[in-house]
Amino acid sequence: MIILGPLFNVVYDLLGLYKFCLVIYVVLGLLESFNIINKYNTAVYTVHNFLQSITEPALGPIRRVIPPISGWDLSPMALIFIIYFFQGVVLEIIKKLPS
């Protein structure tokens, strides 16, 4: 029982970190598409590939359900809402744990 509180805190924080990585991935994609940053730069390419490798496994199934609307990919926004939901669930579990 003593380990459950810190474990759920770590899960909550990891969900927040994943949400942050998702936002950075979307912003980086927008900056690349508007040619503000060079996607052939080694640092940008490395960061983009890392973020793509951790976000695409979650975004792929959502894209099959929610197709792009007028060229806009809404799957990152849906995933952020899903992460908010699971963070709320974890927070409620943390509140219910005995101190």
PDB file of N, CA and C in Angstrom:
ATOM      1  N   MET A   1       0.812  -1.203   0.000  1.00  0.00           N
ATOM      2  CA  MET A   1       0.000   0.000   0.000  1.00  0.00           C
ATOM      3  C   MET A   1       0.852   1.263   0.000  1.00  0.00           C
ATOM      4  N   ILE A   2       1.994   1.201   0.656  1.00  0.00           N
ATOM      5  CA  ILE A   2       2.847   2.389   0.754  1.00  0.00           C
ATOM      6  C   ILE A   2       3.397   2.774  -0.614  1.00  0.00           C
ATOM      7  N   ILE A   3       3.608   1.813  -1.473  1.00  0.00           N
ATOM      8  CA  ILE A   3       4.208   2.093  -2.775  1.00  0.00           C
ATOM      9  C   ILE A   3       3.197   2.624  -3.796  1.00  0.00           C
ATOM     10  N   LEU A   4       1.915   2.457  -3.573  1.00  0.00           N
ATOM     11  CA  LEU A   4       0.915   2.842  -4.563  1.00  0.00           C
ATOM     12  C   LEU A   4       0.832   4.352  -4.777  1.00  0.00           C
ATOM     13  N   GLY A   5       0.917   5.131  -3.723  1.00  0.00           N
ATOM     14  CA  GLY A   5       0.839   6.594  -3.849  1.00  0.00           C
ATOM     15  C   GLY A   5       1.939   7.147  -4.740  1.00  0.00           C
ATOM     16  N   PRO A   6       3.204   6.849  -4.422  1.00  0.00           N
ATOM     17  CA  PRO A   6       4.282   7.335  -5.298  1.00  0.00           C
ATOM     18  C   PRO A   6       4.206   6.762  -6.716  1.00  0.00           C
ATOM     19  N   LEU A   7       3.759   5.525  -6.841  1.00  0.00           N
ATOM     20  CA  LEU A   7       3.639   4.923  -8.174  1.00  0.00           C
ATOM     21  C   LEU A   7       2.615   5.671  -9.021  1.00  0.00           C
ATOM     22  N   PHE A   8       1.469   5.991  -8.450  1.00  0.00           N
ATOM     23  CA  PHE A   8       0.460   6.737  -9.202  1.00  0.00           C
ATOM     24  C   PHE A   8       0.917   8.167  -9.479  1.00  0.00           C
ATOM     25  N   ASN A   9       1.713   8.746  -8.582  1.00  0.00           N
ATOM     26  CA  ASN A   9       2.278  10.074  -8.852  1.00  0.00           C
ATOM     27  C   ASN A   9       3.213  10.026 -10.052  1.00  0.00           C
ATOM     28  N   VAL A  10       4.008   8.984 -10.154  1.00  0.00           N
ATOM     29  CA  VAL A  10       4.906   8.828 -11.302  1.00  0.00           C
ATOM     30  C   VAL A  10       4.100   8.646 -12.583  1.00  0.00           C
ATOM     31  N   VAL A  11       3.039   7.856 -12.545  1.00  0.00           N
ATOM     32  CA  VAL A  11       2.185   7.660 -13.720  1.00  0.00           C
ATOM     33  C   VAL A  11       1.570   8.991 -14.141  1.00  0.00           C
ATOM     34  N   TYR A  12       1.103   9.770 -13.185  1.00  0.00           N
ATOM     35  CA  TYR A  12       0.513  11.081 -13.472  1.00  0.00           C
ATOM     36  C   TYR A  12       1.544  11.995 -14.145  1.00  0.00           C
ATOM     37  N   ASP A  13       2.758  12.010 -13.599  1.00  0.00           N
ATOM     38  CA  ASP A  13       3.808  12.857 -14.163  1.00  0.00           C
ATOM     39  C   ASP A  13       4.246  12.382 -15.551  1.00  0.00           C
ATOM     40  N   LEU A  14       4.294  11.065 -15.762  1.00  0.00           N
ATOM     41  CA  LEU A  14       4.655  10.539 -17.081  1.00  0.00           C
ATOM     42  C   LEU A  14       3.610  10.893 -18.128  1.00  0.00           C
ATOM     43  N   LEU A  15       2.346  10.878 -17.741  1.00  0.00           N
ATOM     44  CA  LEU A  15       1.294  11.305 -18.667  1.00  0.00           C
ATOM     45  C   LEU A  15       1.454  12.785 -19.022  1.00  0.00           C
ATOM     46  N   GLY A  16       1.811  13.601 -18.043  1.00  0.00           N
ATOM     47  CA  GLY A  16       2.055  15.020 -18.305  1.00  0.00           C
ATOM     48  C   GLY A  16       3.257  15.228 -19.222  1.00  0.00           C
ATOM     49  N   LEU A  17       4.305  14.441 -19.020  1.00  0.00           N
ATOM     50  CA  LEU A  17       5.488  14.532 -19.877  1.00  0.00           C
ATOM     51  C   LEU A  17       5.158  14.102 -21.304  1.00  0.00           C
ATOM     52  N   TYR A  18       4.360  13.059 -21.442  1.00  0.00           N
ATOM     53  CA  TYR A  18       3.953  12.599 -22.771  1.00  0.00           C
ATOM     54  C   TYR A  18       3.114  13.660 -23.471  1.00  0.00           C
ATOM     55  N   LYS A  19       2.250  14.312 -22.724  1.00  0.00           N
ATOM     56  CA  LYS A  19       1.420  15.392 -23.273  1.00  0.00           C
ATOM     57  C   LYS A  19       2.315  16.539 -23.762  1.00  0.00           C
ATOM     58  N   PHE A  20       3.347  16.861 -22.998  1.00  0.00           N
ATOM     59  CA  PHE A  20       4.288  17.912 -23.377  1.00  0.00           C
ATOM     60  C   PHE A  20       5.031  17.520 -24.658  1.00  0.00           C
ATOM     61  N   CYS A  21       5.477  16.273 -24.756  1.00  0.00           N
ATOM     62  CA  CYS A  21       6.165  15.802 -25.960  1.00  0.00           C
ATOM     63  C   CYS A  21       5.248  15.868 -27.171  1.00  0.00           C
ATOM     64  N   LEU A  22       3.993  15.568 -26.975  1.00  0.00           N
ATOM     65  CA  LEU A  22       3.016  15.628 -28.060  1.00  0.00           C
ATOM     66  C   LEU A  22       2.845  17.066 -28.562  1.00  0.00           C
ATOM     67  N   VAL A  23       2.772  18.013 -27.655  1.00  0.00           N
ATOM     68  CA  VAL A  23       2.629  19.421 -28.043  1.00  0.00           C
ATOM     69  C   VAL A  23       3.884  19.881 -28.795  1.00  0.00           C
ATOM     70  N   ILE A  24       5.054  19.500 -28.318  1.00  0.00           N
ATOM     71  CA  ILE A  24       6.305  19.872 -28.994  1.00  0.00           C
ATOM     72  C   ILE A  24       6.349  19.256 -30.393  1.00  0.00           C
ATOM     73  N   TYR A  25       5.888  18.021 -30.527  1.00  0.00           N
ATOM     74  CA  TYR A  25       5.855  17.351 -31.831  1.00  0.00           C
ATOM     75  C   TYR A  25       4.954  18.102 -32.804  1.00  0.00           C
ATOM     76  N   VAL A  26       3.805  18.548 -32.356  1.00  0.00           N
ATOM     77  CA  VAL A  26       2.875  19.285 -33.219  1.00  0.00           C
ATOM     78  C   VAL A  26       3.471  20.640 -33.615  1.00  0.00           C
ATOM     79  N   VAL A  27       4.042  21.344 -32.648  1.00  0.00           N
ATOM     80  CA  VAL A  27       4.634  22.662 -32.938  1.00  0.00           C
ATOM     81  C   VAL A  27       5.817  22.508 -33.894  1.00  0.00           C
ATOM     82  N   LEU A  28       6.633  21.498 -33.673  1.00  0.00           N
ATOM     83  CA  LEU A  28       7.775  21.255 -34.557  1.00  0.00           C
ATOM     84  C   LEU A  28       7.302  20.950 -35.981  1.00  0.00           C
ATOM     85  N   GLY A  29       6.245  20.172 -36.108  1.00  0.00           N
ATOM     86  CA  GLY A  29       5.688  19.884 -37.432  1.00  0.00           C
ATOM     87  C   GLY A  29       5.173  21.139 -38.120  1.00  0.00           C
ATOM     88  N   LEU A  30       4.524  22.015 -37.358  1.00  0.00           N
ATOM     89  CA  LEU A  30       4.044  23.275 -37.936  1.00  0.00           C
ATOM     90  C   LEU A  30       5.205  24.163 -38.373  1.00  0.00           C
ATOM     91  N   LEU A  31       6.235  24.247 -37.544  1.00  0.00           N
ATOM     92  CA  LEU A  31       7.400  25.065 -37.900  1.00  0.00           C
ATOM     93  C   LEU A  31       8.103  24.519 -39.137  1.00  0.00           C
ATOM     94  N   GLU A  32       8.140  23.200 -39.266  1.00  0.00           N
ATOM     95  CA  GLU A  32       8.735  22.605 -40.464  1.00  0.00           C
ATOM     96  C   GLU A  32       7.875  22.866 -41.697  1.00  0.00           C
ATOM     97  N   SER A  33       6.576  22.770 -41.557  1.00  0.00           N
ATOM     98  CA  SER A  33       5.703  22.943 -42.723  1.00  0.00           C
ATOM     99  C   SER A  33       5.686  24.383 -43.223  1.00  0.00           C
ATOM    100  N   PHE A  34       5.908  25.354 -42.351  1.00  0.00           N
ATOM    101  CA  PHE A  34       5.964  26.757 -42.763  1.00  0.00           C
ATOM    102  C   PHE A  34       7.386  27.211 -43.073  1.00  0.00           C
ATOM    103  N   ASN A  35       8.318  26.267 -43.141  1.00  0.00           N
ATOM    104  CA  ASN A  35       9.733  26.537 -43.447  1.00  0.00           C
ATOM    105  C   ASN A  35      10.369  27.546 -42.509  1.00  0.00           C
ATOM    106  N   ILE A  36       9.970  27.526 -41.248  1.00  0.00           N
ATOM    107  CA  ILE A  36      10.591  28.390 -40.252  1.00  0.00           C
ATOM    108  C   ILE A  36      11.875  27.746 -39.755  1.00  0.00           C
ATOM    109  N   ILE A  37      11.858  26.429 -39.627  1.00  0.00           N
ATOM    110  CA  ILE A  37      13.071  25.699 -39.288  1.00  0.00           C
ATOM    111  C   ILE A  37      13.355  24.698 -40.400  1.00  0.00           C
ATOM    112  N   ASN A  38      14.622  24.377 -40.544  1.00  0.00           N
ATOM    113  CA  ASN A  38      15.052  23.469 -41.606  1.00  0.00           C
ATOM    114  C   ASN A  38      14.942  22.031 -41.114  1.00  0.00           C
ATOM    115  N   LYS A  39      14.085  21.249 -41.754  1.00  0.00           N
ATOM    116  CA  LYS A  39      13.893  19.870 -41.307  1.00  0.00           C
ATOM    117  C   LYS A  39      15.067  18.975 -41.670  1.00  0.00           C
ATOM    118  N   TYR A  40      16.001  19.471 -42.475  1.00  0.00           N
ATOM    119  CA  TYR A  40      17.189  18.695 -42.822  1.00  0.00           C
ATOM    120  C   TYR A  40      18.354  18.974 -41.883  1.00  0.00           C
ATOM    121  N   ASN A  41      18.169  19.879 -40.946  1.00  0.00           N
ATOM    122  CA  ASN A  41      19.171  20.116 -39.913  1.00  0.00           C
ATOM    123  C   ASN A  41      19.266  18.864 -39.033  1.00  0.00           C
ATOM    124  N   THR A  42      20.479  18.480 -38.674  1.00  0.00           N
ATOM    125  CA  THR A  42      20.678  17.235 -37.929  1.00  0.00           C
ATOM    126  C   THR A  42      19.969  17.251 -36.582  1.00  0.00           C
ATOM    127  N   ALA A  43      20.046  18.347 -35.855  1.00  0.00           N
ATOM    128  CA  ALA A  43      19.410  18.422 -34.533  1.00  0.00           C
ATOM    129  C   ALA A  43      17.888  18.366 -34.667  1.00  0.00           C
ATOM    130  N   VAL A  44      17.352  19.117 -35.600  1.00  0.00           N
ATOM    131  CA  VAL A  44      15.904  19.133 -35.807  1.00  0.00           C
ATOM    132  C   VAL A  44      15.429  17.753 -36.250  1.00  0.00           C
ATOM    133  N   TYR A  45      16.183  17.137 -37.149  1.00  0.00           N
ATOM    134  CA  TYR A  45      15.832  15.802 -37.642  1.00  0.00           C
ATOM    135  C   TYR A  45      15.833  14.779 -36.515  1.00  0.00           C
ATOM    136  N   THR A  46      16.839  14.854 -35.642  1.00  0.00           N
ATOM    137  CA  THR A  46      16.942  13.913 -34.524  1.00  0.00           C
ATOM    138  C   THR A  46      15.781  14.089 -33.551  1.00  0.00           C
ATOM    139  N   VAL A  47      15.480  15.333 -33.192  1.00  0.00           N
ATOM    140  CA  VAL A  47      14.380  15.600 -32.261  1.00  0.00           C
ATOM    141  C   VAL A  47      13.054  15.172 -32.882  1.00  0.00           C
ATOM    142  N   HIS A  48      12.861  15.485 -34.158  1.00  0.00           N
ATOM    143  CA  HIS A  48      11.619  15.121 -34.835  1.00  0.00           C
ATOM    144  C   HIS A  48      11.448  13.600 -34.876  1.00  0.00           C
ATOM    145  N   ASN A  49      12.508  12.892 -35.206  1.00  0.00           N
ATOM    146  CA  ASN A  49      12.410  11.426 -35.262  1.00  0.00           C
ATOM    147  C   ASN A  49      12.130  10.823 -33.896  1.00  0.00           C
ATOM    148  N   PHE A  50      12.756  11.363 -32.848  1.00  0.00           N
ATOM    149  CA  PHE A  50      12.497  10.859 -31.502  1.00  0.00           C
ATOM    150  C   PHE A  50      11.043  11.087 -31.110  1.00  0.00           C
ATOM    151  N   LEU A  51      10.560  12.313 -31.312  1.00  0.00           N
ATOM    152  CA  LEU A  51       9.178  12.625 -30.946  1.00  0.00           C
ATOM    153  C   LEU A  51       8.184  11.823 -31.792  1.00  0.00           C
ATOM    154  N   GLN A  52       8.506  11.622 -33.052  1.00  0.00           N
ATOM    155  CA  GLN A  52       7.627  10.832 -33.914  1.00  0.00           C
ATOM    156  C   GLN A  52       7.578   9.380 -33.449  1.00  0.00           C
ATOM    157  N   SER A  53       8.721   8.849 -33.017  1.00  0.00           N
ATOM    158  CA  SER A  53       8.748   7.448 -32.588  1.00  0.00           C
ATOM    159  C   SER A  53       7.980   7.213 -31.293  1.00  0.00           C
ATOM    160  N   ILE A  54       7.855   8.239 -30.446  1.00  0.00           N
ATOM    161  CA  ILE A  54       7.106   8.031 -29.201  1.00  0.00           C
ATOM    162  C   ILE A  54       5.641   8.440 -29.303  1.00  0.00           C
ATOM    163  N   THR A  55       5.294   9.273 -30.291  1.00  0.00           N
ATOM    164  CA  THR A  55       3.903   9.715 -30.381  1.00  0.00           C
ATOM    165  C   THR A  55       3.087   8.974 -31.433  1.00  0.00           C
ATOM    166  N   GLU A  56       3.715   8.536 -32.499  1.00  0.00           N
ATOM    167  CA  GLU A  56       2.968   7.888 -33.581  1.00  0.00           C
ATOM    168  C   GLU A  56       2.260   6.590 -33.172  1.00  0.00           C
ATOM    169  N   PRO A  57       2.830   5.765 -32.277  1.00  0.00           N
ATOM    170  CA  PRO A  57       2.070   4.572 -31.877  1.00  0.00           C
ATOM    171  C   PRO A  57       0.719   4.892 -31.242  1.00  0.00           C
ATOM    172  N   ALA A  58       0.606   6.021 -30.572  1.00  0.00           N
ATOM    173  CA  ALA A  58      -0.678   6.407 -29.977  1.00  0.00           C
ATOM    174  C   ALA A  58      -1.545   7.177 -30.965  1.00  0.00           C
ATOM    175  N   LEU A  59      -0.925   7.922 -31.866  1.00  0.00           N
ATOM    176  CA  LEU A  59      -1.693   8.731 -32.810  1.00  0.00           C
ATOM    177  C   LEU A  59      -2.264   7.907 -33.962  1.00  0.00           C
ATOM    178  N   GLY A  60      -1.590   6.827 -34.342  1.00  0.00           N
ATOM    179  CA  GLY A  60      -2.031   6.008 -35.471  1.00  0.00           C
ATOM    180  C   GLY A  60      -3.442   5.473 -35.326  1.00  0.00           C
ATOM    181  N   PRO A  61      -3.762   4.795 -34.219  1.00  0.00           N
ATOM    182  CA  PRO A  61      -5.138   4.298 -34.060  1.00  0.00           C
ATOM    183  C   PRO A  61      -6.191   5.412 -34.015  1.00  0.00           C
ATOM    184  N   ILE A  62      -5.819   6.553 -33.457  1.00  0.00           N
ATOM    185  CA  ILE A  62      -6.762   7.671 -33.406  1.00  0.00           C
ATOM    186  C   ILE A  62      -7.007   8.211 -34.809  1.00  0.00           C
ATOM    187  N   ARG A  63      -5.962   8.239 -35.638  1.00  0.00           N
ATOM    188  CA  ARG A  63      -6.112   8.718 -37.022  1.00  0.00           C
ATOM    189  C   ARG A  63      -7.028   7.816 -37.836  1.00  0.00           C
ATOM    190  N   ARG A  64      -7.075   6.531 -37.499  1.00  0.00           N
ATOM    191  CA  ARG A  64      -7.981   5.629 -38.215  1.00  0.00           C
ATOM    192  C   ARG A  64      -9.439   5.935 -37.876  1.00  0.00           C
ATOM    193  N   VAL A  65      -9.669   6.450 -36.670  1.00  0.00           N
ATOM    194  CA  VAL A  65     -11.032   6.776 -36.242  1.00  0.00           C
ATOM    195  C   VAL A  65     -11.411   8.193 -36.656  1.00  0.00           C
ATOM    196  N   ILE A  66     -10.474   9.130 -36.497  1.00  0.00           N
ATOM    197  CA  ILE A  66     -10.722  10.538 -36.832  1.00  0.00           C
ATOM    198  C   ILE A  66      -9.838  10.915 -38.016  1.00  0.00           C
ATOM    199  N   PRO A  67     -10.362  10.886 -39.231  1.00  0.00           N
ATOM    200  CA  PRO A  67      -9.543  11.258 -40.393  1.00  0.00           C
ATOM    201  C   PRO A  67      -9.294  12.770 -40.412  1.00  0.00           C
ATOM    202  N   PRO A  68      -8.291  13.215 -41.158  1.00  0.00           N
ATOM    203  CA  PRO A  68      -8.059  14.669 -41.280  1.00  0.00           C
ATOM    204  C   PRO A  68      -9.283  15.376 -41.860  1.00  0.00           C
ATOM    205  N   ILE A  69      -9.597  16.518 -41.293  1.00  0.00           N
ATOM    206  CA  ILE A  69     -10.738  17.313 -41.740  1.00  0.00           C
ATOM    207  C   ILE A  69     -10.186  18.564 -42.419  1.00  0.00           C
ATOM    208  N   SER A  70     -10.434  18.689 -43.704  1.00  0.00           N
ATOM    209  CA  SER A  70      -9.932  19.803 -44.529  1.00  0.00           C
ATOM    210  C   SER A  70      -8.423  19.959 -44.388  1.00  0.00           C
ATOM    211  N   GLY A  71      -7.727  18.854 -44.304  1.00  0.00           N
ATOM    212  CA  GLY A  71      -6.276  18.895 -44.202  1.00  0.00           C
ATOM    213  C   GLY A  71      -5.742  19.047 -42.791  1.00  0.00           C
ATOM    214  N   TRP A  72      -6.600  19.215 -41.824  1.00  0.00           N
ATOM    215  CA  TRP A  72      -6.171  19.386 -40.431  1.00  0.00           C
ATOM    216  C   TRP A  72      -6.250  18.050 -39.696  1.00  0.00           C
ATOM    217  N   ASP A  73      -5.126  17.672 -39.104  1.00  0.00           N
ATOM    218  CA  ASP A  73      -5.057  16.440 -38.332  1.00  0.00           C
ATOM    219  C   ASP A  73      -5.474  16.746 -36.893  1.00  0.00           C
ATOM    220  N   LEU A  74      -6.612  16.217 -36.483  1.00  0.00           N
ATOM    221  CA  LEU A  74      -7.138  16.478 -35.140  1.00  0.00           C
ATOM    222  C   LEU A  74      -6.773  15.398 -34.133  1.00  0.00           C
ATOM    223  N   SER A  75      -6.016  14.392 -34.574  1.00  0.00           N
ATOM    224  CA  SER A  75      -5.672  13.299 -33.664  1.00  0.00           C
ATOM    225  C   SER A  75      -4.815  13.740 -32.473  1.00  0.00           C
ATOM    226  N   PRO A  76      -3.862  14.686 -32.615  1.00  0.00           N
ATOM    227  CA  PRO A  76      -3.132  15.122 -31.418  1.00  0.00           C
ATOM    228  C   PRO A  76      -4.044  15.767 -30.373  1.00  0.00           C
ATOM    229  N   MET A  77      -5.027  16.542 -30.826  1.00  0.00           N
ATOM    230  CA  MET A  77      -5.947  17.170 -29.884  1.00  0.00           C
ATOM    231  C   MET A  77      -6.786  16.108 -29.167  1.00  0.00           C
ATOM    232  N   ALA A  78      -7.233  15.102 -29.903  1.00  0.00           N
ATOM    233  CA  ALA A  78      -7.997  14.022 -29.284  1.00  0.00           C
ATOM    234  C   ALA A  78      -7.149  13.269 -28.273  1.00  0.00           C
ATOM    235  N   LEU A  79      -5.870  13.031 -28.614  1.00  0.00           N
ATOM    236  CA  LEU A  79      -4.982  12.327 -27.689  1.00  0.00           C
ATOM    237  C   LEU A  79      -4.726  13.154 -26.429  1.00  0.00           C
ATOM    238  N   ILE A  80      -4.629  14.455 -26.575  1.00  0.00           N
ATOM    239  CA  ILE A  80      -4.447  15.316 -25.396  1.00  0.00           C
ATOM    240  C   ILE A  80      -5.669  15.219 -24.488  1.00  0.00           C
ATOM    241  N   PHE A  81      -6.864  15.206 -25.062  1.00  0.00           N
ATOM    242  CA  PHE A  81      -8.073  15.037 -24.245  1.00  0.00           C
ATOM    243  C   PHE A  81      -8.096  13.678 -23.553  1.00  0.00           C
ATOM    244  N   ILE A  82      -7.650  12.646 -24.237  1.00  0.00           N
ATOM    245  CA  ILE A  82      -7.584  11.314 -23.634  1.00  0.00           C
ATOM    246  C   ILE A  82      -6.584  11.300 -22.479  1.00  0.00           C
ATOM    247  N   ILE A  83      -5.449  11.960 -22.664  1.00  0.00           N
ATOM    248  CA  ILE A  83      -4.447  12.030 -21.591  1.00  0.00           C
ATOM    249  C   ILE A  83      -5.008  12.797 -20.398  1.00  0.00           C
ATOM    250  N   TYR A  84      -5.709  13.915 -20.653  1.00  0.00           N
ATOM    251  CA  TYR A  84      -6.352  14.652 -19.556  1.00  0.00           C
ATOM    252  C   TYR A  84      -7.317  13.756 -18.786  1.00  0.00           C
ATOM    253  N   PHE A  85      -8.076  12.939 -19.509  1.00  0.00           N
ATOM    254  CA  PHE A  85      -9.012  12.035 -18.855  1.00  0.00           C
ATOM    255  C   PHE A  85      -8.272  11.062 -17.941  1.00  0.00           C
ATOM    256  N   PHE A  86      -7.208  10.430 -18.462  1.00  0.00           N
ATOM    257  CA  PHE A  86      -6.481   9.461 -17.650  1.00  0.00           C
ATOM    258  C   PHE A  86      -5.740  10.125 -16.487  1.00  0.00           C
ATOM    259  N   GLN A  87      -5.290  11.353 -16.676  1.00  0.00           N
ATOM    260  CA  GLN A  87      -4.688  12.068 -15.551  1.00  0.00           C
ATOM    261  C   GLN A  87      -5.731  12.322 -14.465  1.00  0.00           C
ATOM    262  N   GLY A  88      -6.949  12.639 -14.851  1.00  0.00           N
ATOM    263  CA  GLY A  88      -8.023  12.821 -13.873  1.00  0.00           C
ATOM    264  C   GLY A  88      -8.338  11.541 -13.141  1.00  0.00           C
ATOM    265  N   VAL A  89      -8.343  10.416 -13.857  1.00  0.00           N
ATOM    266  CA  VAL A  89      -8.577   9.120 -13.218  1.00  0.00           C
ATOM    267  C   VAL A  89      -7.480   8.815 -12.204  1.00  0.00           C
ATOM    268  N   VAL A  90      -6.222   9.033 -12.601  1.00  0.00           N
ATOM    269  CA  VAL A  90      -5.102   8.775 -11.696  1.00  0.00           C
ATOM    270  C   VAL A  90      -5.176   9.694 -10.486  1.00  0.00           C
ATOM    271  N   LEU A  91      -5.547  10.942 -10.703  1.00  0.00           N
ATOM    272  CA  LEU A  91      -5.669  11.887  -9.590  1.00  0.00           C
ATOM    273  C   LEU A  91      -6.745  11.451  -8.603  1.00  0.00           C
ATOM    274  N   GLU A  92      -7.875  10.959  -9.113  1.00  0.00           N
ATOM    275  CA  GLU A  92      -8.934  10.463  -8.223  1.00  0.00           C
ATOM    276  C   GLU A  92      -8.468   9.232  -7.448  1.00  0.00           C
ATOM    277  N   ILE A  93      -7.697   8.376  -8.084  1.00  0.00           N
ATOM    278  CA  ILE A  93      -7.154   7.205  -7.378  1.00  0.00           C
ATOM    279  C   ILE A  93      -6.197   7.650  -6.281  1.00  0.00           C
ATOM    280  N   ILE A  94      -5.384   8.649  -6.574  1.00  0.00           N
ATOM    281  CA  ILE A  94      -4.441   9.160  -5.570  1.00  0.00           C
ATOM    282  C   ILE A  94      -5.209   9.729  -4.389  1.00  0.00           C
ATOM    283  N   LYS A  95      -6.317  10.446  -4.636  1.00  0.00           N
ATOM    284  CA  LYS A  95      -7.115  11.017  -3.556  1.00  0.00           C
ATOM    285  C   LYS A  95      -7.749   9.948  -2.679  1.00  0.00           C
ATOM    286  N   LYS A  96      -8.103   8.823  -3.276  1.00  0.00           N
ATOM    287  CA  LYS A  96      -8.782   7.750  -2.528  1.00  0.00           C
ATOM    288  C   LYS A  96      -7.819   6.895  -1.691  1.00  0.00           C
ATOM    289  N   LEU A  97      -6.519   6.977  -2.015  1.00  0.00           N
ATOM    290  CA  LEU A  97      -5.553   6.169  -1.264  1.00  0.00           C
ATOM    291  C   LEU A  97      -5.431   6.678   0.174  1.00  0.00           C
ATOM    292  N   PRO A  98      -5.283   5.756   1.128  1.00  0.00           N
ATOM    293  CA  PRO A  98      -5.081   6.196   2.511  1.00  0.00           C
ATOM    294  C   PRO A  98      -3.723   6.882   2.664  1.00  0.00           C
ATOM    295  N   SER A  99      -3.706   7.902   3.487  1.00  0.00           N
ATOM    296  CA  SER A  99      -2.456   8.674   3.690  1.00  0.00           C
ATOM    297  C   SER A  99      -1.464   7.929   4.542  1.00  0.00           C
TER     298      SER A  99
END
